[in-house]
Amino acid sequence: MKQPGKMIVWVANVDRSKTRHQGRRISKSLSVDSPRLSEMENAAKSASLAPLAKTGSARPGTWWDKTGYVVVDRGNLSRTEILKTIAKHMTKEKQSKKA
């Protein structure tokens, strides 16, 4: 169901291992290796997008892969800008965990 001012972000939208046909919406250089729903939720929180995670849901194109999604506040940002912001925060968090 559509919600005004909100946007659904699937895990596949930022997954580097996925193709564009499989749901990746940003370039491979900006995307993330093996993203998890919890990491995506934390990245959206740090970007102050007011996330709401939904586990156990599958993207319609991959109905067998129940990765879940995050609903974020869109504001006046485009879909691509939001995805790039989330991916950037996820990359920062992964790098800080390695260090």
N, C-alpha and C. Protein backbone atom coordinates (compact mmCIF):
# COMPACT_ATOMS: atom_id res chain seq x y z
N MET A 1 0.84 -1.17 0.00
CA MET A 1 0.00 0.00 0.00
C MET A 1 0.89 1.24 0.00
N LYS A 2 0.58 2.18 -0.86
CA LYS A 2 1.36 3.41 -0.94
C LYS A 2 1.09 4.29 0.26
N GLN A 3 2.15 4.91 0.72
CA GLN A 3 2.05 5.84 1.84
C GLN A 3 2.66 7.17 1.39
N PRO A 4 1.90 8.23 1.45
CA PRO A 4 2.42 9.52 1.01
C PRO A 4 3.63 9.95 1.84
N GLY A 5 4.68 10.41 1.17
CA GLY A 5 5.87 10.88 1.87
C GLY A 5 6.79 9.78 2.35
N LYS A 6 6.48 8.54 2.04
CA LYS A 6 7.30 7.40 2.47
C LYS A 6 7.83 6.66 1.24
N MET A 7 8.87 5.85 1.45
CA MET A 7 9.45 5.07 0.37
C MET A 7 9.94 3.74 0.92
N ILE A 8 9.75 2.68 0.16
CA ILE A 8 10.22 1.36 0.55
C ILE A 8 11.60 1.13 -0.05
N VAL A 9 12.52 0.69 0.80
CA VAL A 9 13.87 0.36 0.36
C VAL A 9 14.11 -1.11 0.64
N TRP A 10 14.28 -1.90 -0.43
CA TRP A 10 14.56 -3.32 -0.30
C TRP A 10 16.06 -3.52 -0.13
N VAL A 11 16.44 -4.61 0.52
CA VAL A 11 17.85 -4.93 0.71
C VAL A 11 18.54 -5.07 -0.64
N ALA A 12 17.86 -5.63 -1.62
CA ALA A 12 18.44 -5.82 -2.96
C ALA A 12 18.78 -4.50 -3.65
N ASN A 13 18.16 -3.40 -3.24
CA ASN A 13 18.41 -2.10 -3.88
C ASN A 13 19.84 -1.61 -3.68
N VAL A 14 20.52 -2.08 -2.64
CA VAL A 14 21.89 -1.63 -2.35
C VAL A 14 22.89 -2.78 -2.34
N ASP A 15 22.49 -3.96 -2.79
CA ASP A 15 23.34 -5.15 -2.76
C ASP A 15 24.24 -5.22 -4.00
N ARG A 16 25.54 -5.19 -3.78
CA ARG A 16 26.51 -5.20 -4.87
C ARG A 16 26.46 -6.49 -5.71
N SER A 17 26.07 -7.59 -5.11
CA SER A 17 26.05 -8.87 -5.83
C SER A 17 24.84 -9.01 -6.76
N LYS A 18 23.89 -8.11 -6.66
CA LYS A 18 22.69 -8.16 -7.52
C LYS A 18 22.92 -7.35 -8.80
N THR A 19 22.23 -7.76 -9.85
CA THR A 19 22.25 -7.00 -11.09
C THR A 19 21.13 -5.96 -11.04
N ARG A 20 21.11 -5.09 -12.02
CA ARG A 20 20.02 -4.12 -12.10
C ARG A 20 18.69 -4.83 -12.27
N HIS A 21 18.71 -5.90 -13.04
CA HIS A 21 17.48 -6.68 -13.27
C HIS A 21 17.01 -7.35 -11.98
N GLN A 22 17.92 -7.68 -11.09
CA GLN A 22 17.58 -8.34 -9.83
C GLN A 22 17.21 -7.35 -8.73
N GLY A 23 17.28 -6.05 -9.02
CA GLY A 23 16.79 -5.07 -8.05
C GLY A 23 17.77 -4.03 -7.58
N ARG A 24 19.05 -4.12 -7.95
CA ARG A 24 20.00 -3.09 -7.53
C ARG A 24 19.66 -1.79 -8.24
N ARG A 25 19.62 -0.69 -7.50
CA ARG A 25 19.18 0.59 -8.09
C ARG A 25 20.30 1.64 -8.13
N ILE A 26 21.48 1.33 -7.57
CA ILE A 26 22.60 2.28 -7.60
C ILE A 26 23.80 1.57 -8.21
N SER A 27 24.84 2.33 -8.54
CA SER A 27 26.00 1.74 -9.19
C SER A 27 26.73 0.78 -8.25
N LYS A 28 27.49 -0.13 -8.83
CA LYS A 28 28.22 -1.11 -8.03
C LYS A 28 29.27 -0.44 -7.14
N SER A 29 29.85 0.65 -7.61
CA SER A 29 30.87 1.33 -6.82
C SER A 29 30.30 1.94 -5.54
N LEU A 30 29.02 2.26 -5.53
CA LEU A 30 28.38 2.84 -4.34
C LEU A 30 27.66 1.80 -3.50
N SER A 31 27.36 0.64 -4.06
CA SER A 31 26.58 -0.37 -3.36
C SER A 31 27.42 -1.11 -2.31
N VAL A 32 26.77 -1.99 -1.56
CA VAL A 32 27.36 -2.62 -0.38
C VAL A 32 27.44 -4.13 -0.58
N ASP A 33 28.51 -4.74 -0.07
CA ASP A 33 28.64 -6.20 -0.09
C ASP A 33 27.80 -6.81 1.04
N SER A 34 27.01 -7.78 0.72
CA SER A 34 26.20 -8.54 1.69
C SER A 34 25.47 -7.66 2.70
N PRO A 35 24.57 -6.80 2.26
CA PRO A 35 23.85 -5.96 3.21
C PRO A 35 22.83 -6.77 4.02
N ARG A 36 22.59 -6.33 5.22
CA ARG A 36 21.58 -6.95 6.09
C ARG A 36 20.54 -5.90 6.43
N LEU A 37 19.36 -6.38 6.75
CA LEU A 37 18.25 -5.48 7.07
C LEU A 37 18.58 -4.62 8.28
N SER A 38 19.19 -5.21 9.31
CA SER A 38 19.54 -4.45 10.52
C SER A 38 20.56 -3.35 10.21
N GLU A 39 21.52 -3.65 9.33
CA GLU A 39 22.50 -2.64 8.93
C GLU A 39 21.83 -1.50 8.17
N MET A 40 20.88 -1.87 7.32
CA MET A 40 20.17 -0.86 6.55
C MET A 40 19.33 0.03 7.47
N GLU A 41 18.71 -0.56 8.45
CA GLU A 41 17.90 0.20 9.40
C GLU A 41 18.78 1.17 10.20
N ASN A 42 19.94 0.69 10.66
CA ASN A 42 20.86 1.56 11.40
C ASN A 42 21.38 2.70 10.53
N ALA A 43 21.68 2.41 9.26
CA ALA A 43 22.15 3.44 8.34
C ALA A 43 21.07 4.49 8.10
N ALA A 44 19.83 4.06 7.97
CA ALA A 44 18.73 5.01 7.77
C ALA A 44 18.51 5.86 9.02
N LYS A 45 18.72 5.26 10.20
CA LYS A 45 18.61 6.03 11.44
C LYS A 45 19.69 7.10 11.50
N SER A 46 20.93 6.71 11.15
CA SER A 46 22.03 7.67 11.20
C SER A 46 21.87 8.77 10.14
N ALA A 47 21.12 8.48 9.08
CA ALA A 47 20.83 9.49 8.05
C ALA A 47 19.57 10.27 8.40
N SER A 48 18.99 10.01 9.55
CA SER A 48 17.76 10.64 10.06
C SER A 48 16.61 10.55 9.05
N LEU A 49 16.34 9.33 8.59
CA LEU A 49 15.24 9.08 7.66
C LEU A 49 14.04 8.41 8.32
N ALA A 50 14.05 8.29 9.63
CA ALA A 50 12.95 7.69 10.41
C ALA A 50 12.53 6.34 9.84
N PRO A 51 13.41 5.33 9.93
CA PRO A 51 13.11 4.02 9.31
C PRO A 51 12.14 3.17 10.13
N LEU A 52 11.43 2.31 9.43
CA LEU A 52 10.58 1.30 10.03
C LEU A 52 10.84 0.00 9.28
N ALA A 53 11.49 -0.96 9.95
CA ALA A 53 11.88 -2.21 9.29
C ALA A 53 10.75 -3.23 9.30
N LYS A 54 10.64 -3.98 8.23
CA LYS A 54 9.65 -5.05 8.10
C LYS A 54 10.40 -6.32 7.69
N THR A 55 10.51 -7.26 8.61
CA THR A 55 11.24 -8.50 8.34
C THR A 55 10.33 -9.54 7.71
N GLY A 56 10.95 -10.49 7.04
CA GLY A 56 10.22 -11.63 6.48
C GLY A 56 9.42 -11.34 5.23
N SER A 57 9.61 -10.19 4.62
CA SER A 57 8.90 -9.87 3.39
C SER A 57 9.83 -10.06 2.20
N ALA A 58 9.24 -10.43 1.08
CA ALA A 58 10.02 -10.67 -0.13
C ALA A 58 9.70 -9.64 -1.19
N ARG A 59 10.75 -9.22 -1.91
CA ARG A 59 10.57 -8.35 -3.06
C ARG A 59 9.77 -9.11 -4.10
N PRO A 60 8.80 -8.50 -4.74
CA PRO A 60 7.93 -9.23 -5.67
C PRO A 60 8.67 -10.00 -6.77
N GLY A 61 9.79 -9.47 -7.25
CA GLY A 61 10.54 -10.16 -8.30
C GLY A 61 11.29 -11.38 -7.81
N THR A 62 11.56 -11.43 -6.51
CA THR A 62 12.25 -12.58 -5.90
C THR A 62 11.44 -13.04 -4.70
N TRP A 63 10.31 -13.63 -4.98
CA TRP A 63 9.36 -14.01 -3.93
C TRP A 63 9.91 -15.06 -2.97
N TRP A 64 10.93 -15.80 -3.34
CA TRP A 64 11.49 -16.86 -2.49
C TRP A 64 12.53 -16.32 -1.51
N ASP A 65 13.03 -15.12 -1.72
CA ASP A 65 14.09 -14.54 -0.91
C ASP A 65 13.49 -13.52 0.05
N LYS A 66 13.20 -13.92 1.26
CA LYS A 66 12.50 -13.08 2.23
C LYS A 66 13.51 -12.25 3.04
N THR A 67 14.01 -11.19 2.42
CA THR A 67 15.03 -10.35 3.07
C THR A 67 14.45 -9.23 3.91
N GLY A 68 13.26 -8.78 3.58
CA GLY A 68 12.64 -7.67 4.29
C GLY A 68 12.92 -6.34 3.63
N TYR A 69 12.34 -5.28 4.19
CA TYR A 69 12.52 -3.94 3.66
C TYR A 69 12.43 -2.91 4.77
N VAL A 70 12.80 -1.69 4.44
CA VAL A 70 12.74 -0.57 5.37
C VAL A 70 11.89 0.52 4.74
N VAL A 71 10.95 1.06 5.49
CA VAL A 71 10.15 2.20 5.05
C VAL A 71 10.79 3.45 5.64
N VAL A 72 11.14 4.40 4.76
CA VAL A 72 11.80 5.64 5.22
C VAL A 72 10.98 6.85 4.79
N ASP A 73 11.21 7.96 5.49
CA ASP A 73 10.60 9.23 5.10
C ASP A 73 11.32 9.76 3.88
N ARG A 74 10.57 10.11 2.87
CA ARG A 74 11.16 10.56 1.61
C ARG A 74 11.60 12.02 1.67
N GLY A 75 10.82 12.85 2.30
CA GLY A 75 11.13 14.27 2.32
C GLY A 75 11.08 14.83 0.90
N ASN A 76 12.07 15.61 0.52
CA ASN A 76 12.13 16.13 -0.84
C ASN A 76 13.29 15.52 -1.62
N LEU A 77 13.76 14.35 -1.18
CA LEU A 77 14.86 13.65 -1.85
C LEU A 77 14.33 12.67 -2.88
N SER A 78 15.13 12.41 -3.90
CA SER A 78 14.76 11.43 -4.91
C SER A 78 15.10 10.03 -4.39
N ARG A 79 14.58 9.01 -5.06
CA ARG A 79 14.84 7.63 -4.68
C ARG A 79 16.33 7.32 -4.73
N THR A 80 17.00 7.78 -5.77
CA THR A 80 18.43 7.52 -5.93
C THR A 80 19.24 8.20 -4.82
N GLU A 81 18.89 9.42 -4.47
CA GLU A 81 19.60 10.13 -3.41
C GLU A 81 19.46 9.41 -2.07
N ILE A 82 18.28 8.91 -1.78
CA ILE A 82 18.06 8.18 -0.54
C ILE A 82 18.88 6.89 -0.52
N LEU A 83 18.86 6.16 -1.62
CA LEU A 83 19.62 4.90 -1.69
C LEU A 83 21.12 5.15 -1.57
N LYS A 84 21.63 6.19 -2.20
CA LYS A 84 23.05 6.52 -2.10
C LYS A 84 23.41 6.90 -0.67
N THR A 85 22.54 7.65 0.00
CA THR A 85 22.79 8.05 1.38
C THR A 85 22.82 6.84 2.30
N ILE A 86 21.87 5.94 2.15
CA ILE A 86 21.83 4.73 2.98
C ILE A 86 23.07 3.88 2.72
N ALA A 87 23.44 3.70 1.45
CA ALA A 87 24.61 2.89 1.12
C ALA A 87 25.89 3.51 1.68
N LYS A 88 25.99 4.84 1.64
CA LYS A 88 27.17 5.52 2.16
C LYS A 88 27.30 5.30 3.67
N HIS A 89 26.18 5.40 4.39
CA HIS A 89 26.20 5.18 5.84
C HIS A 89 26.49 3.72 6.17
N MET A 90 25.98 2.79 5.36
CA MET A 90 26.26 1.38 5.59
C MET A 90 27.75 1.08 5.39
N THR A 91 28.36 1.69 4.38
CA THR A 91 29.78 1.50 4.11
C THR A 91 30.62 2.05 5.26
N LYS A 92 30.26 3.22 5.78
CA LYS A 92 30.97 3.82 6.92
C LYS A 92 30.90 2.89 8.13
N GLU A 93 29.71 2.35 8.42
CA GLU A 93 29.55 1.47 9.57
C GLU A 93 30.37 0.18 9.42
N LYS A 94 30.39 -0.39 8.20
CA LYS A 94 31.16 -1.60 7.98
C LYS A 94 32.66 -1.34 8.12
N GLN A 95 33.13 -0.18 7.65
CA GLN A 95 34.53 0.16 7.76
C GLN A 95 34.92 0.42 9.22
N SER A 96 34.03 1.03 9.98
CA SER A 96 34.34 1.29 11.38
C SER A 96 34.36 0.00 12.20
N LYS A 97 33.59 -1.00 11.80
CA LYS A 97 33.62 -2.29 12.49
C LYS A 97 34.92 -3.05 12.21
N LYS A 98 35.45 -2.88 10.98
CA LYS A 98 36.70 -3.55 10.62
C LYS A 98 37.90 -2.95 11.35
N ALA A 99 37.85 -1.65 11.61
CA ALA A 99 38.98 -0.96 12.24
C ALA A 99 39.04 -1.19 13.72
